[in-house]
Amino acid sequence: MDRSVTEGDCGKIDEEANRLIKSKQVFQRCELTKEQALQLFSHNPFKQQIISSKVADGATTSVYRCGTLIDLCMGPHLPSTSFIKGFAVVKNSGWATLRMILSNVSTVSHSLTPSS
């Protein structure tokens, strides 16, 4: 995305999230070496900074995959999106510079635990 998220995008984000929830996508945890993580996120200077500063040389870190999304995360997660029973965007914020746009979308969700 080459622009900040706006209030007008919140409904679209809600719709897409609810579509993904209904598709029952699995959360898959993966362990990567620091070098693998740096290569995976080579396009993202923010992730590169986190990996470089937080993951020791020779150590591993975890990422989670859900559909086409792969992101740094310690987890754990629900087994799949089918456990999410409610979702809503509650606010968004953004910041832009001449070189990049940062967006933050805050959400809330409710789930059933796997044992429910």
C-alpha atoms as a PDB file:
ATOM      1  CA  MET A   1       0.000   0.000   0.000  1.00  0.00           C
ATOM      2  CA  ASP A   2       1.412   3.385  -0.914  1.00  0.00           C
ATOM      3  CA  ARG A   3      -0.793   5.488   1.342  1.00  0.00           C
ATOM      4  CA  SER A   4      -1.903   5.666   4.967  1.00  0.00           C
ATOM      5  CA  VAL A   5      -4.940   3.760   6.162  1.00  0.00           C
ATOM      6  CA  THR A   6      -7.915   6.093   6.621  1.00  0.00           C
ATOM      7  CA  GLU A   7     -11.202   5.853   8.514  1.00  0.00           C
ATOM      8  CA  GLY A   8     -12.838   5.028   5.188  1.00  0.00           C
ATOM      9  CA  ASP A   9     -10.752   1.853   4.990  1.00  0.00           C
ATOM     10  CA  CYS A  10     -11.984   0.447   8.319  1.00  0.00           C
ATOM     11  CA  GLY A  11     -15.163  -1.088   6.878  1.00  0.00           C
ATOM     12  CA  LYS A  12     -13.191  -2.744   4.084  1.00  0.00           C
ATOM     13  CA  ILE A  13     -10.696  -4.124   6.617  1.00  0.00           C
ATOM     14  CA  ASP A  14     -13.577  -5.493   8.718  1.00  0.00           C
ATOM     15  CA  GLU A  15     -15.129  -7.162   5.647  1.00  0.00           C
ATOM     16  CA  GLU A  16     -11.856  -8.761   4.544  1.00  0.00           C
ATOM     17  CA  ALA A  17     -11.045  -9.954   8.076  1.00  0.00           C
ATOM     18  CA  ASN A  18     -14.459 -11.554   8.434  1.00  0.00           C
ATOM     19  CA  ARG A  19     -14.051 -13.239   5.037  1.00  0.00           C
ATOM     20  CA  LEU A  20     -10.716 -14.677   6.178  1.00  0.00           C
ATOM     21  CA  ILE A  21     -12.194 -15.798   9.493  1.00  0.00           C
ATOM     22  CA  LYS A  22     -14.903 -17.760   7.647  1.00  0.00           C
ATOM     23  CA  SER A  23     -12.284 -19.406   5.404  1.00  0.00           C
ATOM     24  CA  LYS A  24     -10.894 -21.287   8.448  1.00  0.00           C
ATOM     25  CA  GLN A  25      -7.248 -20.624   7.647  1.00  0.00           C
ATOM     26  CA  VAL A  26      -4.678 -22.438   9.798  1.00  0.00           C
ATOM     27  CA  PHE A  27      -2.017 -20.587  11.827  1.00  0.00           C
ATOM     28  CA  GLN A  28       1.313 -22.288  11.159  1.00  0.00           C
ATOM     29  CA  ARG A  29       4.333 -21.611  13.405  1.00  0.00           C
ATOM     30  CA  CYS A  30       7.763 -21.740  11.730  1.00  0.00           C
ATOM     31  CA  GLU A  31      11.244 -21.480  13.275  1.00  0.00           C
ATOM     32  CA  LEU A  32      13.811 -19.554  11.234  1.00  0.00           C
ATOM     33  CA  THR A  33      17.471 -18.828  11.758  1.00  0.00           C
ATOM     34  CA  LYS A  34      18.394 -15.181  12.062  1.00  0.00           C
ATOM     35  CA  GLU A  35      19.818 -15.311   8.540  1.00  0.00           C
ATOM     36  CA  GLN A  36      16.635 -16.864   7.109  1.00  0.00           C
ATOM     37  CA  ALA A  37      14.481 -14.240   8.848  1.00  0.00           C
ATOM     38  CA  LEU A  38      16.640 -11.397   7.551  1.00  0.00           C
ATOM     39  CA  GLN A  39      16.304 -12.774   4.018  1.00  0.00           C
ATOM     40  CA  LEU A  40      12.524 -13.334   4.332  1.00  0.00           C
ATOM     41  CA  PHE A  41      11.994  -9.735   5.474  1.00  0.00           C
ATOM     42  CA  SER A  42      14.670  -8.168   3.235  1.00  0.00           C
ATOM     43  CA  HIS A  43      12.009  -5.804   1.802  1.00  0.00           C
ATOM     44  CA  ASN A  44      11.054  -4.455   5.253  1.00  0.00           C
ATOM     45  CA  PRO A  45      13.580  -2.205   7.047  1.00  0.00           C
ATOM     46  CA  PHE A  46      11.534  -2.249  10.263  1.00  0.00           C
ATOM     47  CA  LYS A  47      11.514  -6.050  10.485  1.00  0.00           C
ATOM     48  CA  GLN A  48      15.220  -6.072   9.574  1.00  0.00           C
ATOM     49  CA  GLN A  49      15.926  -3.760  12.537  1.00  0.00           C
ATOM     50  CA  ILE A  50      13.906  -5.916  14.939  1.00  0.00           C
ATOM     51  CA  ILE A  51      15.601  -9.111  13.788  1.00  0.00           C
ATOM     52  CA  SER A  52      19.081  -7.572  13.870  1.00  0.00           C
ATOM     53  CA  SER A  53      18.655  -6.146  17.358  1.00  0.00           C
ATOM     54  CA  LYS A  54      16.551  -8.841  19.053  1.00  0.00           C
ATOM     55  CA  VAL A  55      17.746 -12.159  17.596  1.00  0.00           C
ATOM     56  CA  ALA A  56      21.236 -13.240  18.637  1.00  0.00           C
ATOM     57  CA  ASP A  57      23.669 -14.496  16.014  1.00  0.00           C
ATOM     58  CA  GLY A  58      23.199 -18.250  15.637  1.00  0.00           C
ATOM     59  CA  ALA A  59      19.768 -18.136  17.314  1.00  0.00           C
ATOM     60  CA  THR A  60      16.330 -18.754  15.854  1.00  0.00           C
ATOM     61  CA  THR A  61      13.116 -16.765  15.862  1.00  0.00           C
ATOM     62  CA  SER A  62       9.522 -17.638  15.102  1.00  0.00           C
ATOM     63  CA  VAL A  63       7.165 -16.481  12.404  1.00  0.00           C
ATOM     64  CA  TYR A  64       3.532 -17.373  11.919  1.00  0.00           C
ATOM     65  CA  ARG A  65       1.893 -18.009   8.601  1.00  0.00           C
ATOM     66  CA  CYS A  66      -1.818 -17.663   7.947  1.00  0.00           C
ATOM     67  CA  GLY A  67      -2.771 -17.862   4.297  1.00  0.00           C
ATOM     68  CA  THR A  68      -0.420 -15.560   2.420  1.00  0.00           C
ATOM     69  CA  LEU A  69       0.528 -13.514   5.516  1.00  0.00           C
ATOM     70  CA  ILE A  70       3.838 -14.328   7.208  1.00  0.00           C
ATOM     71  CA  ASP A  71       4.940 -12.172  10.136  1.00  0.00           C
ATOM     72  CA  LEU A  72       7.316 -12.179  13.076  1.00  0.00           C
ATOM     73  CA  CYS A  73       5.507 -13.372  16.173  1.00  0.00           C
ATOM     74  CA  MET A  74       6.245 -15.307  19.340  1.00  0.00           C
ATOM     75  CA  GLY A  75       2.713 -16.740  19.447  1.00  0.00           C
ATOM     76  CA  PRO A  76       1.012 -18.943  20.358  1.00  0.00           C
ATOM     77  CA  HIS A  77      -2.097 -18.633  18.221  1.00  0.00           C
ATOM     78  CA  LEU A  78      -5.423 -20.321  17.882  1.00  0.00           C
ATOM     79  CA  PRO A  79      -5.317 -23.390  15.638  1.00  0.00           C
ATOM     80  CA  SER A  80      -7.243 -21.603  12.867  1.00  0.00           C
ATOM     81  CA  THR A  81      -9.295 -18.517  12.093  1.00  0.00           C
ATOM     82  CA  SER A  82     -12.455 -20.590  12.654  1.00  0.00           C
ATOM     83  CA  PHE A  83     -11.994 -20.023  16.407  1.00  0.00           C
ATOM     84  CA  ILE A  84     -12.423 -16.250  15.994  1.00  0.00           C
ATOM     85  CA  LYS A  85     -16.028 -15.400  16.774  1.00  0.00           C
ATOM     86  CA  GLY A  86     -15.960 -11.609  16.569  1.00  0.00           C
ATOM     87  CA  PHE A  87     -13.726  -8.956  15.013  1.00  0.00           C
ATOM     88  CA  ALA A  88     -13.829  -5.167  14.738  1.00  0.00           C
ATOM     89  CA  VAL A  89     -11.486  -2.335  13.803  1.00  0.00           C
ATOM     90  CA  VAL A  90     -11.496   0.130  16.706  1.00  0.00           C
ATOM     91  CA  LYS A  91      -9.080   2.800  15.464  1.00  0.00           C
ATOM     92  CA  ASN A  92      -6.313   3.542  13.022  1.00  0.00           C
ATOM     93  CA  SER A  93      -3.360   5.879  12.923  1.00  0.00           C
ATOM     94  CA  GLY A  94      -0.626   6.684  10.466  1.00  0.00           C
ATOM     95  CA  TRP A  95       2.570   8.576   9.963  1.00  0.00           C
ATOM     96  CA  ALA A  96       4.266   9.530   6.713  1.00  0.00           C
ATOM     97  CA  THR A  97       7.756  10.674   5.787  1.00  0.00           C
ATOM     98  CA  LEU A  98       9.268  11.376   2.401  1.00  0.00           C
ATOM     99  CA  ARG A  99      10.573   7.787   2.304  1.00  0.00           C
ATOM    100  CA  MET A 100       7.778   5.691   3.801  1.00  0.00           C
ATOM    101  CA  ILE A 101       4.263   5.470   5.187  1.00  0.00           C
ATOM    102  CA  LEU A 102       3.525   3.716   8.472  1.00  0.00           C
ATOM    103  CA  SER A 103       0.033   2.604   9.389  1.00  0.00           C
ATOM    104  CA  ASN A 104      -1.297   1.050  12.554  1.00  0.00           C
ATOM    105  CA  VAL A 105      -4.741  -0.526  12.688  1.00  0.00           C
ATOM    106  CA  SER A 106      -6.001  -1.480  16.159  1.00  0.00           C
ATOM    107  CA  THR A 107      -8.569  -4.262  16.380  1.00  0.00           C
ATOM    108  CA  VAL A 108     -10.368  -6.338  18.966  1.00  0.00           C
ATOM    109  CA  SER A 109     -11.475  -9.914  18.582  1.00  0.00           C
ATOM    110  CA  HIS A 110     -13.164 -12.602  20.614  1.00  0.00           C
ATOM    111  CA  SER A 111     -12.490 -16.300  20.287  1.00  0.00           C
ATOM    112  CA  LEU A 112     -13.490 -19.650  21.635  1.00  0.00           C
ATOM    113  CA  THR A 113     -10.608 -21.594  23.123  1.00  0.00           C
ATOM    114  CA  PRO A 114      -9.763 -24.846  21.339  1.00  0.00           C
ATOM    115  CA  SER A 115     -11.151 -26.780  24.341  1.00  0.00           C
ATOM    116  CA  SER A 116     -14.539 -24.976  24.252  1.00  0.00           C
END
